[in-house]
C-alpha cells in the first residue's frame, strides 16, 4: 500500500535512495538553496519509481506554506479554528414543524451552524439575541442560521422557540448523531460555512458575532456572489 502523508513519503524516499531529506519543507527564498533543492529532486527522481516520485512531489507541494488570503486573515482575526475549504459532514434533520431539512438545501447560502440547548443559558441567550439579530438583518441575502438543538425533545424545544419567535431554522438532533459528527464538545459550538458549502471555521463558546472581527468575517462571506 502506498504511504500517505508527507513525512511517510519522505521516509520511504530516504530509505529507497539513501538521499538526505530536509528536516522540513520550508519556503525557499535563497537562490543557492533553491538550486540545491532542484539537484536533490533530480537525484530522487532518478532513483525511485515514478509513482513514488509523483507522490513525493504532490505531498511537498500540498504542504508548502502559501500566502494568506483575505479570508485566511479574517478567520485568524475572528479567532476561529481554520477549516477553509473542507467539506462539512452531510446531514438531514427534522424541523419543529416536522419537515426534513438537509444541509445541502442551503447551497449558495452563508450558513452559521449553531449547536445549542435550552439548558445552556449561554447558547440559548446568544441564539435569541445575536443570532436572531443577524438572521433578521441578512435574511434577504441568503444568510441562514441553522440552530441545531442537541439531544433535547421537541416538547422541550418548541415552547422555548415559540415564546421568543425565533427566525433561525431550528433543527432537532435528538440522538446526538450530527453533533457527534461535528465533534461538538461544548455548547454553543459554531461552524461557519461559505456559499460553496465548504467549511470556513469553527468556534466554541459565545462570541460577539454581530460586531468586531466576527461580524467582519460574516460580512465578507455574505458579500460574496450568490450562486
Protein backbone atom coordinates (compact mmCIF):
# COMPACT_ATOMS: atom_id res chain seq x y z
CA UNK A 1 0.00 0.00 0.00
CA UNK A 2 1.33 3.46 -0.86
CA UNK A 3 2.22 5.75 2.05
CA UNK A 4 0.00 8.70 2.84
CA UNK A 5 1.22 11.99 4.23
CA UNK A 6 4.34 13.98 3.54
CA UNK A 7 6.54 12.50 6.25
CA UNK A 8 5.64 8.91 5.37
CA UNK A 9 6.54 9.72 1.75
CA UNK A 10 9.82 11.40 2.72
CA UNK A 11 10.78 8.45 4.92
CA UNK A 12 10.17 5.97 2.12
CA UNK A 13 12.12 8.12 -0.36
CA UNK A 14 15.04 8.36 2.08
CA UNK A 15 15.07 4.61 2.67
CA UNK A 16 14.85 3.87 -1.04
CA UNK A 17 17.54 6.29 -2.19
CA UNK A 18 19.75 6.98 0.79
CA UNK A 19 19.44 10.68 -0.10
CA UNK A 20 19.21 13.06 2.82
CA UNK A 21 15.85 14.82 3.06
CA UNK A 22 15.50 18.33 4.56
CA UNK A 23 14.04 18.39 8.06
CA UNK A 24 11.05 20.45 6.92
CA UNK A 25 9.70 21.66 3.57
CA UNK A 26 10.30 25.37 4.10
CA UNK A 27 9.59 28.30 1.83
CA UNK A 28 12.69 28.66 -0.39
CA UNK A 29 13.80 32.24 -0.97
CA UNK A 30 17.55 31.83 -1.32
CA UNK A 31 18.81 31.11 -4.86
CA UNK A 32 21.60 28.76 -3.69
CA UNK A 33 19.20 26.77 -1.57
CA UNK A 34 16.75 26.63 -4.46
CA UNK A 35 19.43 25.15 -6.70
CA UNK A 36 20.36 22.55 -4.06
CA UNK A 37 16.69 21.66 -3.75
CA UNK A 38 16.37 21.17 -7.50
CA UNK A 39 19.51 18.98 -7.61
CA UNK A 40 18.18 16.86 -4.75
CA UNK A 41 14.87 16.43 -6.55
CA UNK A 42 16.64 15.30 -9.73
CA UNK A 43 18.59 12.72 -7.74
CA UNK A 44 15.42 11.42 -6.13
CA UNK A 45 13.62 11.26 -9.48
CA UNK A 46 16.40 9.08 -10.94
CA UNK A 47 16.36 6.60 -8.07
CA UNK A 48 12.71 5.97 -7.20
CA UNK A 49 9.73 4.54 -9.11
CA UNK A 50 7.65 7.16 -10.98
CA UNK A 51 4.62 6.67 -8.70
CA UNK A 52 6.69 7.36 -5.59
CA UNK A 53 8.28 10.47 -7.09
CA UNK A 54 4.83 11.78 -8.10
CA UNK A 55 3.54 11.19 -4.58
CA UNK A 56 6.61 12.90 -3.11
CA UNK A 57 6.10 15.96 -5.34
CA UNK A 58 2.37 16.22 -4.64
CA UNK A 59 2.86 15.95 -0.88
CA UNK A 60 5.61 18.57 -0.83
CA UNK A 61 3.56 20.98 -2.91
CA UNK A 62 0.50 20.47 -0.73
CA UNK A 63 2.43 21.15 2.46
CA UNK A 64 4.34 24.22 1.26
CA UNK A 65 3.42 27.46 3.02
CA UNK A 66 1.18 29.66 0.89
CA UNK A 67 0.33 33.32 1.00
CA UNK A 68 -2.56 34.12 3.29
CA UNK A 69 -5.72 35.18 1.52
CA UNK A 70 -8.08 37.83 2.81
CA UNK A 71 -10.35 35.07 4.08
CA UNK A 72 -7.43 33.43 5.95
CA UNK A 73 -6.71 36.74 7.68
CA UNK A 74 -10.36 37.33 8.61
CA UNK A 75 -10.66 33.85 10.10
CA UNK A 76 -7.49 34.44 12.10
CA UNK A 77 -8.67 37.85 13.34
CA UNK A 78 -12.01 36.36 14.38
CA UNK A 79 -10.13 33.68 16.37
CA UNK A 80 -11.81 30.78 14.63
CA UNK A 81 -10.19 27.40 14.18
CA UNK A 82 -9.48 27.45 10.43
CA UNK A 83 -11.22 24.86 8.28
CA UNK A 84 -11.23 26.71 4.96
CA UNK A 85 -12.20 24.54 2.02
CA UNK A 86 -13.02 21.37 3.93
CA UNK A 87 -16.27 19.52 3.30
CA UNK A 88 -18.78 19.55 6.17
CA UNK A 89 -20.32 16.21 7.16
CA UNK A 90 -23.67 15.94 5.34
CA UNK A 91 -26.83 15.60 7.38
CA UNK A 92 -30.59 15.94 7.37
CA UNK A 93 -32.70 16.71 10.44
CA UNK A 94 -36.30 17.48 11.29
CA UNK A 95 -37.56 21.00 11.91
CA UNK A 96 -40.06 21.69 14.67
CA UNK A 97 -42.88 21.56 12.09
CA UNK A 98 -41.86 18.02 11.06
CA UNK A 99 -40.26 18.93 7.73
CA UNK A 100 -36.91 17.33 6.99
CA UNK A 101 -34.06 19.69 6.10
CA UNK A 102 -30.66 18.79 4.64
CA UNK A 103 -27.54 20.89 4.82
CA UNK A 104 -27.28 20.61 1.03
CA UNK A 105 -30.58 22.52 0.76
CA UNK A 106 -28.59 25.64 1.65
CA UNK A 107 -26.02 25.54 -1.13
CA UNK A 108 -25.47 29.16 -2.18
CA UNK A 109 -26.16 30.44 1.35
CA UNK A 110 -23.77 31.58 4.02
CA UNK A 111 -24.60 29.19 6.87
CA UNK A 112 -23.94 29.56 10.57
CA UNK A 113 -24.34 26.08 12.01
CA UNK A 114 -25.14 26.73 15.66
CA UNK A 115 -25.22 23.83 18.16
CA UNK A 116 -27.17 24.74 21.30
CA UNK A 117 -29.50 23.59 24.07
CA UNK A 118 -32.17 25.35 26.10
CA UNK A 119 -30.37 24.08 29.21
CA UNK A 120 -27.28 26.16 28.41
CA UNK A 121 -28.08 29.77 29.22
CA UNK A 122 -25.03 30.96 27.27
CA UNK A 123 -26.06 29.32 24.00
CA UNK A 124 -29.77 29.99 24.44
CA UNK A 125 -29.21 33.68 25.17
CA UNK A 126 -26.83 34.13 22.25
CA UNK A 127 -29.22 32.35 19.88
CA UNK A 128 -32.14 34.58 20.85
CA UNK A 129 -30.10 37.79 20.72
CA UNK A 130 -27.04 37.97 18.43
CA UNK A 131 -28.01 35.11 16.10
CA UNK A 132 -31.57 36.37 15.87
CA UNK A 133 -30.33 39.88 15.06
CA UNK A 134 -28.08 38.66 12.24
CA UNK A 135 -30.72 36.37 10.77
CA UNK A 136 -33.15 39.30 10.55
CA UNK A 137 -30.51 41.70 9.21
CA UNK A 138 -29.33 39.41 6.39
CA UNK A 139 -32.47 37.37 5.74
CA UNK A 140 -32.75 38.69 2.14
CA UNK A 141 -29.09 37.96 1.33
CA UNK A 142 -29.06 34.16 1.52
CA UNK A 143 -27.75 34.04 5.05
CA UNK A 144 -29.10 31.26 7.27
CA UNK A 145 -28.60 30.33 10.89
CA UNK A 146 -29.23 26.60 11.34
CA UNK A 147 -29.79 26.21 15.07
CA UNK A 148 -29.18 22.53 15.81
CA UNK A 149 -30.59 21.60 19.18
CA UNK A 150 -28.57 18.85 20.84
CA UNK A 151 -30.38 15.88 22.41
CA UNK A 152 -33.49 17.65 23.70
CA UNK A 153 -37.05 16.59 22.97
CA UNK A 154 -39.33 18.53 20.68
CA UNK A 155 -41.69 19.07 23.62
CA UNK A 156 -38.92 20.94 25.45
CA UNK A 157 -37.64 22.95 22.49
CA UNK A 158 -40.84 24.03 20.73
CA UNK A 159 -42.34 26.15 23.57
CA UNK A 160 -38.98 27.85 24.17
CA UNK A 161 -38.64 28.78 20.47
CA UNK A 162 -42.28 29.85 20.07
CA UNK A 163 -42.13 32.12 23.11
CA UNK A 164 -39.21 34.02 21.54
CA UNK A 165 -40.50 33.99 17.95
CA UNK A 166 -37.08 32.95 16.65
CA UNK A 167 -36.17 33.48 12.99
CA UNK A 168 -33.30 30.93 12.69
CA UNK A 169 -34.15 27.47 11.35
CA UNK A 170 -34.32 25.23 14.42
CA UNK A 171 -33.38 21.57 13.86
CA UNK A 172 -33.64 18.64 16.26
CA UNK A 173 -30.60 16.41 16.72
CA UNK A 174 -32.43 14.21 19.19
CA UNK A 175 -29.98 11.29 19.15
CA UNK A 176 -26.87 13.48 19.02
CA UNK A 177 -25.59 11.87 15.83
CA UNK A 178 -24.96 15.09 13.92
CA UNK A 179 -23.38 16.70 16.98
CA UNK A 180 -21.04 13.73 17.22
CA UNK A 181 -20.12 14.00 13.52
CA UNK A 182 -19.23 17.67 14.11
CA UNK A 183 -17.30 16.85 17.31
CA UNK A 184 -19.38 19.11 19.48
CA UNK A 185 -17.79 19.13 22.93
CA UNK A 186 -19.06 22.47 24.21
CA UNK A 187 -22.28 24.45 23.97
CA UNK A 188 -22.51 26.55 21.95
CA UNK A 189 -20.31 25.31 19.13
CA UNK A 190 -20.45 27.22 15.85
CA UNK A 191 -19.37 26.30 12.33
CA UNK A 192 -19.25 28.93 9.60
CA UNK A 193 -19.92 27.65 6.08
CA UNK A 194 -19.50 29.58 2.83
CA UNK A 195 -21.77 29.82 -0.19
CA UNK A 196 -19.88 26.93 -1.82
CA UNK A 197 -21.00 24.72 1.08
CA UNK A 198 -17.42 24.43 2.30
CA UNK A 199 -16.31 24.97 5.86
CA UNK A 200 -14.65 28.24 6.85
CA UNK A 201 -14.01 27.84 10.57
CA UNK A 202 -15.19 26.64 13.97
CA UNK A 203 -15.66 28.39 17.32
CA UNK A 204 -16.61 27.18 20.78
CA UNK A 205 -18.36 29.34 23.33
CA UNK A 206 -20.15 32.64 22.88
CA UNK A 207 -18.78 35.37 20.62
CA UNK A 208 -19.64 38.90 19.54
CA UNK A 209 -20.92 37.64 16.18
CA UNK A 210 -22.79 40.86 15.44
CA UNK A 211 -19.77 43.15 15.83
CA UNK A 212 -15.98 43.30 15.58
CA UNK A 213 -13.84 40.71 13.73
CA UNK A 214 -16.56 38.03 13.80
CA UNK A 215 -19.03 40.36 12.09
CA UNK A 216 -16.34 41.40 9.57
CA UNK A 217 -15.82 37.75 8.61
CA UNK A 218 -19.53 37.09 8.15
CA UNK A 219 -19.97 40.33 6.23
CA UNK A 220 -17.17 39.29 3.86
CA UNK A 221 -18.88 35.94 3.23
CA UNK A 222 -22.32 37.49 2.79
CA UNK A 223 -20.98 39.91 0.17
CA UNK A 224 -19.59 37.02 -1.88
CA UNK A 225 -21.66 36.39 -5.04
CA UNK A 226 -24.57 34.03 -4.54
CA UNK A 227 -24.92 31.17 -6.97
